């Protein structure tokens, strides 16, 4: 679970946040700035019901189809990060994770759709919700219009939110394999290590950024978390919106 910090209580500049913290991390400042959406996402009804095995199949089916639609944009953004990464070691870590997304996760989706009676003709070309479209647009613009730091500012929360909801529920054992494996995919040593590394990359980029750029990274991070929360909510058939956030650019 997260240690929630109201956004209004968090300094709006990293310099102020770090002034009385000798070990201040840029990503911790970003996470704190993303409240209350951060806590609302990692403790959402969706993940509680998923872990308990009580989530309605229709809800999970709706969610999974949108997540599969989103996967292309996520893979593309990680691919862009590979090109912008500062060295071969960073490129290697990103390429390794791309292999997980395009192999392990893709296999999971195909087996889960079969179990949930979703034909390939349906999941291969789903109609994206407004939230999904907003998320795809955010990732695409971060990659096209920003640099490595901007790309990390959307990729870090997109992955860190999932680690943060899955880790406390790692021992949950819902009956349906597609629920159990969705937790397992986001609560394992490999994923923990990768998210930790992603955070270190953004910590370094943020520390070197100008105050103006740090503010942009903050807006991108917060918008990503806002959309993560909305993504869970639209699975329940709630009003489909793009979460109504400000343009981070």
C-alpha atoms as a PDB file:
ATOM      1  CA  UNK A   1       0.000   0.000   0.000  1.00  0.00           C
ATOM      2  CA  UNK A   2       1.141   3.558  -0.524  1.00  0.00           C
ATOM      3  CA  UNK A   3       1.909   6.117   2.138  1.00  0.00           C
ATOM      4  CA  UNK A   4      -0.485   8.777   0.892  1.00  0.00           C
ATOM      5  CA  UNK A   5       0.589  12.388   0.965  1.00  0.00           C
ATOM      6  CA  UNK A   6      -1.915  15.067  -0.063  1.00  0.00           C
ATOM      7  CA  UNK A   7      -0.677  16.847  -3.191  1.00  0.00           C
ATOM      8  CA  UNK A   8      -1.309  20.268  -1.673  1.00  0.00           C
ATOM      9  CA  UNK A   9       1.105  19.434   1.184  1.00  0.00           C
ATOM     10  CA  UNK A  10       3.933  18.572  -1.200  1.00  0.00           C
ATOM     11  CA  UNK A  11       6.171  21.420  -2.431  1.00  0.00           C
ATOM     12  CA  UNK A  12       5.600  22.256  -6.066  1.00  0.00           C
ATOM     13  CA  UNK A  13       9.310  22.263  -6.817  1.00  0.00           C
ATOM     14  CA  UNK A  14      11.795  19.468  -6.316  1.00  0.00           C
ATOM     15  CA  UNK A  15      14.290  21.960  -4.894  1.00  0.00           C
ATOM     16  CA  UNK A  16      11.931  22.813  -2.039  1.00  0.00           C
ATOM     17  CA  UNK A  17      11.053  19.156  -1.478  1.00  0.00           C
ATOM     18  CA  UNK A  18      14.729  18.166  -1.310  1.00  0.00           C
ATOM     19  CA  UNK A  19      15.808  21.094   0.873  1.00  0.00           C
ATOM     20  CA  UNK A  20      15.269  19.259   4.171  1.00  0.00           C
ATOM     21  CA  UNK A  21      15.753  15.719   2.844  1.00  0.00           C
ATOM     22  CA  UNK A  22      19.322  14.540   2.458  1.00  0.00           C
ATOM     23  CA  UNK A  23      18.315  11.469   0.473  1.00  0.00           C
ATOM     24  CA  UNK A  24      15.470  12.992  -1.569  1.00  0.00           C
ATOM     25  CA  UNK A  25      14.549  11.078  -4.705  1.00  0.00           C
ATOM     26  CA  UNK A  26      13.004  12.797  -7.682  1.00  0.00           C
ATOM     27  CA  UNK A  27      10.604   9.889  -8.218  1.00  0.00           C
ATOM     28  CA  UNK A  28       9.399  10.020  -4.599  1.00  0.00           C
ATOM     29  CA  UNK A  29       8.587  13.696  -5.068  1.00  0.00           C
ATOM     30  CA  UNK A  30       6.669  12.854  -8.252  1.00  0.00           C
ATOM     31  CA  UNK A  31       4.757  10.060  -6.523  1.00  0.00           C
ATOM     32  CA  UNK A  32       3.826  12.296  -3.610  1.00  0.00           C
ATOM     33  CA  UNK A  33       2.695  14.986  -6.044  1.00  0.00           C
ATOM     34  CA  UNK A  34       0.413  12.442  -7.732  1.00  0.00           C
ATOM     35  CA  UNK A  35      -1.827  12.026  -4.692  1.00  0.00           C
ATOM     36  CA  UNK A  36      -4.694  11.394  -4.230  1.00  0.00           C
ATOM     37  CA  UNK A  37      -4.844   9.614  -7.601  1.00  0.00           C
ATOM     38  CA  UNK A  38      -1.877   7.410  -6.729  1.00  0.00           C
ATOM     39  CA  UNK A  39      -3.508   5.851  -3.676  1.00  0.00           C
ATOM     40  CA  UNK A  40      -6.872   5.681  -5.446  1.00  0.00           C
ATOM     41  CA  UNK A  41      -5.248   3.645  -8.226  1.00  0.00           C
ATOM     42  CA  UNK A  42      -3.130   1.233  -6.172  1.00  0.00           C
ATOM     43  CA  UNK A  43      -5.990   0.541  -3.730  1.00  0.00           C
ATOM     44  CA  UNK A  44      -8.772   0.656  -6.308  1.00  0.00           C
ATOM     45  CA  UNK A  45     -11.844  -1.520  -6.039  1.00  0.00           C
ATOM     46  CA  UNK A  46     -10.674  -3.217  -9.239  1.00  0.00           C
ATOM     47  CA  UNK A  47      -7.446  -4.569  -7.743  1.00  0.00           C
ATOM     48  CA  UNK A  48      -9.109  -5.494  -4.447  1.00  0.00           C
ATOM     49  CA  UNK A  49     -11.737  -7.557  -6.271  1.00  0.00           C
ATOM     50  CA  UNK A  50      -9.130  -9.010  -8.620  1.00  0.00           C
ATOM     51  CA  UNK A  51      -7.035 -10.272  -5.700  1.00  0.00           C
ATOM     52  CA  UNK A  52     -10.102 -11.620  -3.892  1.00  0.00           C
ATOM     53  CA  UNK A  53     -11.310 -13.394  -7.026  1.00  0.00           C
ATOM     54  CA  UNK A  54     -14.669 -11.630  -6.819  1.00  0.00           C
ATOM     55  CA  UNK A  55     -14.331  -9.377  -9.841  1.00  0.00           C
ATOM     56  CA  UNK A  56     -17.072  -9.889 -12.407  1.00  0.00           C
ATOM     57  CA  UNK A  57     -15.854 -11.525 -15.609  1.00  0.00           C
ATOM     58  CA  UNK A  58     -17.569  -8.802 -17.645  1.00  0.00           C
ATOM     59  CA  UNK A  59     -15.561  -6.152 -15.787  1.00  0.00           C
ATOM     60  CA  UNK A  60     -12.258  -7.964 -16.219  1.00  0.00           C
ATOM     61  CA  UNK A  61     -13.043  -8.726 -19.855  1.00  0.00           C
ATOM     62  CA  UNK A  62     -13.735  -5.044 -20.527  1.00  0.00           C
ATOM     63  CA  UNK A  63     -10.535  -4.055 -18.744  1.00  0.00           C
ATOM     64  CA  UNK A  64      -8.394  -6.656 -20.477  1.00  0.00           C
ATOM     65  CA  UNK A  65      -9.568  -5.675 -23.939  1.00  0.00           C
ATOM     66  CA  UNK A  66      -8.661  -2.043 -23.310  1.00  0.00           C
ATOM     67  CA  UNK A  67      -5.311  -3.012 -21.831  1.00  0.00           C
ATOM     68  CA  UNK A  68      -4.572  -5.101 -24.906  1.00  0.00           C
ATOM     69  CA  UNK A  69      -5.500  -2.153 -27.110  1.00  0.00           C
ATOM     70  CA  UNK A  70      -3.141  -0.008 -25.042  1.00  0.00           C
ATOM     71  CA  UNK A  71      -0.286  -2.509 -25.342  1.00  0.00           C
ATOM     72  CA  UNK A  72       0.693  -1.346 -28.836  1.00  0.00           C
ATOM     73  CA  UNK A  73       1.162   2.228 -27.626  1.00  0.00           C
ATOM     74  CA  UNK A  74       3.139   1.055 -24.603  1.00  0.00           C
ATOM     75  CA  UNK A  75       5.441  -1.095 -26.724  1.00  0.00           C
ATOM     76  CA  UNK A  76       5.964   1.809 -29.120  1.00  0.00           C
ATOM     77  CA  UNK A  77       6.889   4.164 -26.292  1.00  0.00           C
ATOM     78  CA  UNK A  78       9.367   1.695 -24.826  1.00  0.00           C
ATOM     79  CA  UNK A  79      10.816   1.284 -28.311  1.00  0.00           C
ATOM     80  CA  UNK A  80      11.262   5.040 -28.538  1.00  0.00           C
ATOM     81  CA  UNK A  81      12.985   5.032 -25.151  1.00  0.00           C
ATOM     82  CA  UNK A  82      15.469   2.503 -26.497  1.00  0.00           C
ATOM     83  CA  UNK A  83      16.524   5.017 -29.138  1.00  0.00           C
ATOM     84  CA  UNK A  84      16.795   7.873 -26.629  1.00  0.00           C
ATOM     85  CA  UNK A  85      18.554   5.908 -23.873  1.00  0.00           C
ATOM     86  CA  UNK A  86      21.964   7.329 -22.908  1.00  0.00           C
ATOM     87  CA  UNK A  87      24.028   4.150 -23.237  1.00  0.00           C
ATOM     88  CA  UNK A  88      24.028   0.521 -24.345  1.00  0.00           C
ATOM     89  CA  UNK A  89      23.403  -0.793 -20.831  1.00  0.00           C
ATOM     90  CA  UNK A  90      20.152   1.195 -20.599  1.00  0.00           C
ATOM     91  CA  UNK A  91      19.125   0.110 -24.081  1.00  0.00           C
ATOM     92  CA  UNK A  92      19.693  -3.513 -23.102  1.00  0.00           C
ATOM     93  CA  UNK A  93      17.433  -3.239 -20.035  1.00  0.00           C
ATOM     94  CA  UNK A  94      14.674  -1.661 -22.098  1.00  0.00           C
ATOM     95  CA  UNK A  95      14.959  -4.255 -24.870  1.00  0.00           C
ATOM     96  CA  UNK A  96      14.734  -7.056 -22.292  1.00  0.00           C
ATOM     97  CA  UNK A  97      11.484  -5.619 -20.978  1.00  0.00           C
ATOM     98  CA  UNK A  98      10.139  -5.209 -24.490  1.00  0.00           C
ATOM     99  CA  UNK A  99      10.619  -8.950 -24.911  1.00  0.00           C
ATOM    100  CA  UNK A 100       8.461  -9.544 -21.828  1.00  0.00           C
ATOM    101  CA  UNK A 101       5.696  -7.313 -23.184  1.00  0.00           C
ATOM    102  CA  UNK A 102       5.680  -8.889 -26.629  1.00  0.00           C
ATOM    103  CA  UNK A 103       6.119 -12.493 -25.494  1.00  0.00           C
ATOM    104  CA  UNK A 104       5.039 -13.346 -21.935  1.00  0.00           C
ATOM    105  CA  UNK A 105       2.275 -10.763 -21.672  1.00  0.00           C
ATOM    106  CA  UNK A 106       1.007 -11.345 -25.187  1.00  0.00           C
ATOM    107  CA  UNK A 107       0.759 -15.083 -24.476  1.00  0.00           C
ATOM    108  CA  UNK A 108      -1.145 -14.297 -21.280  1.00  0.00           C
ATOM    109  CA  UNK A 109      -3.629 -12.122 -23.176  1.00  0.00           C
ATOM    110  CA  UNK A 110      -4.328 -14.773 -25.792  1.00  0.00           C
ATOM    111  CA  UNK A 111      -4.953 -17.517 -23.209  1.00  0.00           C
ATOM    112  CA  UNK A 112      -7.085 -15.215 -21.073  1.00  0.00           C
ATOM    113  CA  UNK A 113      -9.256 -14.080 -23.971  1.00  0.00           C
ATOM    114  CA  UNK A 114      -9.860 -17.729 -24.874  1.00  0.00           C
ATOM    115  CA  UNK A 115     -10.926 -18.487 -21.288  1.00  0.00           C
ATOM    116  CA  UNK A 116     -13.167 -15.410 -21.219  1.00  0.00           C
ATOM    117  CA  UNK A 117     -14.808 -16.335 -24.565  1.00  0.00           C
ATOM    118  CA  UNK A 118     -13.503 -13.275 -26.401  1.00  0.00           C
ATOM    119  CA  UNK A 119     -12.927 -14.138 -30.080  1.00  0.00           C
ATOM    120  CA  UNK A 120      -9.774 -12.950 -31.804  1.00  0.00           C
ATOM    121  CA  UNK A 121     -11.847 -10.855 -34.182  1.00  0.00           C
ATOM    122  CA  UNK A 122     -13.012  -8.862 -31.147  1.00  0.00           C
ATOM    123  CA  UNK A 123      -9.830  -8.452 -29.128  1.00  0.00           C
ATOM    124  CA  UNK A 124      -7.577  -7.907 -32.146  1.00  0.00           C
ATOM    125  CA  UNK A 125      -9.294  -4.633 -32.997  1.00  0.00           C
ATOM    126  CA  UNK A 126     -11.197  -3.344 -29.959  1.00  0.00           C
ATOM    127  CA  UNK A 127     -12.845   0.050 -29.877  1.00  0.00           C
ATOM    128  CA  UNK A 128     -10.732   2.147 -27.496  1.00  0.00           C
ATOM    129  CA  UNK A 129     -12.471   4.128 -24.795  1.00  0.00           C
ATOM    130  CA  UNK A 130     -11.826   7.844 -24.415  1.00  0.00           C
ATOM    131  CA  UNK A 131      -9.566   7.034 -21.475  1.00  0.00           C
ATOM    132  CA  UNK A 132      -7.549   4.580 -23.552  1.00  0.00           C
ATOM    133  CA  UNK A 133      -7.245   7.106 -26.385  1.00  0.00           C
ATOM    134  CA  UNK A 134      -6.105   9.788 -23.939  1.00  0.00           C
ATOM    135  CA  UNK A 135      -3.525   7.390 -22.513  1.00  0.00           C
ATOM    136  CA  UNK A 136      -2.244   6.471 -25.981  1.00  0.00           C
ATOM    137  CA  UNK A 137      -2.016  10.138 -26.909  1.00  0.00           C
ATOM    138  CA  UNK A 138      -0.083  10.936 -23.733  1.00  0.00           C
ATOM    139  CA  UNK A 139       2.496   8.209 -24.347  1.00  0.00           C
ATOM    140  CA  UNK A 140       2.812   9.095 -28.014  1.00  0.00           C
ATOM    141  CA  UNK A 141       3.337  12.794 -27.374  1.00  0.00           C
ATOM    142  CA  UNK A 142       5.867  12.134 -24.617  1.00  0.00           C
ATOM    143  CA  UNK A 143       7.908  10.053 -27.060  1.00  0.00           C
ATOM    144  CA  UNK A 144       7.517  12.348 -30.075  1.00  0.00           C
ATOM    145  CA  UNK A 145       7.714  15.776 -28.454  1.00  0.00           C
ATOM    146  CA  UNK A 146       9.947  15.119 -25.482  1.00  0.00           C
ATOM    147  CA  UNK A 147      13.226  13.384 -24.787  1.00  0.00           C
ATOM    148  CA  UNK A 148      14.334  10.459 -22.656  1.00  0.00           C
ATOM    149  CA  UNK A 149      13.219  12.169 -19.436  1.00  0.00           C
ATOM    150  CA  UNK A 150       9.713  12.889 -20.745  1.00  0.00           C
ATOM    151  CA  UNK A 151       9.328   9.312 -21.943  1.00  0.00           C
ATOM    152  CA  UNK A 152      10.423   8.026 -18.542  1.00  0.00           C
ATOM    153  CA  UNK A 153       7.960  10.396 -16.849  1.00  0.00           C
ATOM    154  CA  UNK A 154       5.074   8.417 -18.367  1.00  0.00           C
ATOM    155  CA  UNK A 155       6.641   4.945 -18.367  1.00  0.00           C
ATOM    156  CA  UNK A 156       7.728   5.015 -14.722  1.00  0.00           C
ATOM    157  CA  UNK A 157       4.258   5.640 -13.244  1.00  0.00           C
ATOM    158  CA  UNK A 158       2.621   3.296 -15.773  1.00  0.00           C
ATOM    159  CA  UNK A 159       4.771   0.428 -14.456  1.00  0.00           C
ATOM    160  CA  UNK A 160       5.263   1.571 -10.849  1.00  0.00           C
ATOM    161  CA  UNK A 161       1.520   1.795 -10.202  1.00  0.00           C
ATOM    162  CA  UNK A 162       1.188  -1.852 -11.221  1.00  0.00           C
ATOM    163  CA  UNK A 163       4.046  -2.970  -9.006  1.00  0.00           C
ATOM    164  CA  UNK A 164       2.541  -0.974  -6.130  1.00  0.00           C
ATOM    165  CA  UNK A 165      -0.877  -2.616  -6.325  1.00  0.00           C
ATOM    166  CA  UNK A 166       0.412  -6.108  -7.119  1.00  0.00           C
ATOM    167  CA  UNK A 167       3.214  -6.436  -4.551  1.00  0.00           C
ATOM    168  CA  UNK A 168       0.994  -6.217  -1.441  1.00  0.00           C
ATOM    169  CA  UNK A 169      -1.302  -8.797  -3.064  1.00  0.00           C
ATOM    170  CA  UNK A 170       1.430 -11.183  -4.200  1.00  0.00           C
ATOM    171  CA  UNK A 171       0.109 -13.960  -1.961  1.00  0.00           C
ATOM    172  CA  UNK A 172      -3.473 -13.649  -3.168  1.00  0.00           C
ATOM    173  CA  UNK A 173      -4.714 -16.783  -4.895  1.00  0.00           C
ATOM    174  CA  UNK A 174      -7.882 -16.196  -6.916  1.00  0.00           C
ATOM    175  CA  UNK A 175      -9.208 -19.315  -8.644  1.00  0.00           C
ATOM    176  CA  UNK A 176      -9.193 -18.005 -12.210  1.00  0.00           C
ATOM    177  CA  UNK A 177      -5.746 -18.346 -13.788  1.00  0.00           C
ATOM    178  CA  UNK A 178      -6.148 -15.038 -15.613  1.00  0.00           C
ATOM    179  CA  UNK A 179      -6.513 -13.226 -12.293  1.00  0.00           C
ATOM    180  CA  UNK A 180      -3.707 -15.098 -10.545  1.00  0.00           C
ATOM    181  CA  UNK A 181      -1.299 -14.672 -13.453  1.00  0.00           C
ATOM    182  CA  UNK A 182      -2.080 -10.958 -13.832  1.00  0.00           C
ATOM    183  CA  UNK A 183      -0.868 -10.504 -10.266  1.00  0.00           C
ATOM    184  CA  UNK A 184       2.151 -12.736 -10.874  1.00  0.00           C
ATOM    185  CA  UNK A 185       3.187 -10.740 -13.946  1.00  0.00           C
ATOM    186  CA  UNK A 186       3.462  -7.625 -11.762  1.00  0.00           C
ATOM    187  CA  UNK A 187       4.690  -9.093  -8.471  1.00  0.00           C
ATOM    188  CA  UNK A 188       7.955 -10.862  -9.204  1.00  0.00           C
ATOM    189  CA  UNK A 189      11.644 -10.152  -8.702  1.00  0.00           C
ATOM    190  CA  UNK A 190      12.274  -9.363 -12.341  1.00  0.00           C
ATOM    191  CA  UNK A 191       9.553  -6.730 -12.482  1.00  0.00           C
ATOM    192  CA  UNK A 192      10.587  -5.251  -9.123  1.00  0.00           C
ATOM    193  CA  UNK A 193      14.141  -4.924 -10.375  1.00  0.00           C
ATOM    194  CA  UNK A 194      13.061  -3.332 -13.644  1.00  0.00           C
ATOM    195  CA  UNK A 195      10.783  -0.774 -12.004  1.00  0.00           C
ATOM    196  CA  UNK A 196      13.545   0.046  -9.525  1.00  0.00           C
ATOM    197  CA  UNK A 197      15.933   0.598 -12.407  1.00  0.00           C
ATOM    198  CA  UNK A 198      13.397   2.750 -14.292  1.00  0.00           C
ATOM    199  CA  UNK A 199      13.028   4.907 -11.196  1.00  0.00           C
ATOM    200  CA  UNK A 200      16.803   5.323 -10.935  1.00  0.00           C
ATOM    201  CA  UNK A 201      16.902   6.445 -14.567  1.00  0.00           C
ATOM    202  CA  UNK A 202      14.231   9.076 -13.935  1.00  0.00           C
ATOM    203  CA  UNK A 203      15.866  10.097 -10.647  1.00  0.00           C
ATOM    204  CA  UNK A 204      19.047  10.866 -12.553  1.00  0.00           C
ATOM    205  CA  UNK A 205      17.298  12.649 -15.416  1.00  0.00           C
ATOM    206  CA  UNK A 206      15.178  14.696 -13.011  1.00  0.00           C
ATOM    207  CA  UNK A 207      18.152  15.739 -10.902  1.00  0.00           C
ATOM    208  CA  UNK A 208      19.880  17.070 -14.020  1.00  0.00           C
ATOM    209  CA  UNK A 209      16.803  18.796 -15.479  1.00  0.00           C
ATOM    210  CA  UNK A 210      16.070  22.507 -15.323  1.00  0.00           C
ATOM    211  CA  UNK A 211      13.262  23.671 -13.006  1.00  0.00           C
ATOM    212  CA  UNK A 212      11.042  24.257 -16.042  1.00  0.00           C
ATOM    213  CA  UNK A 213      11.623  20.769 -17.357  1.00  0.00           C
ATOM    214  CA  UNK A 214      11.076  19.253 -13.917  1.00  0.00           C
ATOM    215  CA  UNK A 215       7.664  20.937 -13.817  1.00  0.00           C
ATOM    216  CA  UNK A 216       6.807  19.329 -17.169  1.00  0.00           C
ATOM    217  CA  UNK A 217       7.945  15.920 -15.921  1.00  0.00           C
ATOM    218  CA  UNK A 218       5.748  16.421 -12.862  1.00  0.00           C
ATOM    219  CA  UNK A 219       2.710  17.179 -15.047  1.00  0.00           C
ATOM    220  CA  UNK A 220       3.355  14.150 -17.252  1.00  0.00           C
ATOM    221  CA  UNK A 221       3.746  11.857 -14.239  1.00  0.00           C
ATOM    222  CA  UNK A 222       0.577  13.129 -12.559  1.00  0.00           C
ATOM    223  CA  UNK A 223      -1.445  12.868 -15.761  1.00  0.00           C
ATOM    224  CA  UNK A 224      -0.325   9.258 -16.190  1.00  0.00           C
ATOM    225  CA  UNK A 225      -1.431   8.344 -12.677  1.00  0.00           C
ATOM    226  CA  UNK A 226      -4.734  10.150 -13.209  1.00  0.00           C
ATOM    227  CA  UNK A 227      -5.358   8.040 -16.310  1.00  0.00           C
ATOM    228  CA  UNK A 228      -4.347   4.829 -14.530  1.00  0.00           C
ATOM    229  CA  UNK A 229      -7.089   5.500 -12.000  1.00  0.00           C
ATOM    230  CA  UNK A 230      -9.601   6.289 -14.756  1.00  0.00           C
ATOM    231  CA  UNK A 231      -8.595   3.121 -16.627  1.00  0.00           C
ATOM    232  CA  UNK A 232      -9.744   0.974 -13.698  1.00  0.00           C
ATOM    233  CA  UNK A 233     -12.950   2.930 -13.292  1.00  0.00           C
ATOM    234  CA  UNK A 234     -14.027   2.611 -16.923  1.00  0.00           C
ATOM    235  CA  UNK A 235     -13.825  -1.180 -16.587  1.00  0.00           C
ATOM    236  CA  UNK A 236     -16.970  -0.927 -14.463  1.00  0.00           C
ATOM    237  CA  UNK A 237     -18.816   0.885 -17.209  1.00  0.00           C
ATOM    238  CA  UNK A 238     -18.573   4.244 -15.487  1.00  0.00           C
ATOM    239  CA  UNK A 239     -18.821   7.351 -17.616  1.00  0.00           C
ATOM    240  CA  UNK A 240     -16.119   7.114 -20.224  1.00  0.00           C
ATOM    241  CA  UNK A 241     -14.009  10.232 -20.064  1.00  0.00           C
ATOM    242  CA  UNK A 242     -10.378  11.071 -20.518  1.00  0.00           C
ATOM    243  CA  UNK A 243     -10.263  11.949 -16.797  1.00  0.00           C
ATOM    244  CA  UNK A 244     -10.494  15.617 -17.651  1.00  0.00           C
ATOM    245  CA  UNK A 245      -6.942  16.477 -16.769  1.00  0.00           C
ATOM    246  CA  UNK A 246      -4.875  19.441 -17.850  1.00  0.00           C
ATOM    247  CA  UNK A 247      -2.663  19.209 -20.888  1.00  0.00           C
ATOM    248  CA  UNK A 248       0.782  18.417 -19.391  1.00  0.00           C
ATOM    249  CA  UNK A 249       2.496  20.227 -22.243  1.00  0.00           C
END
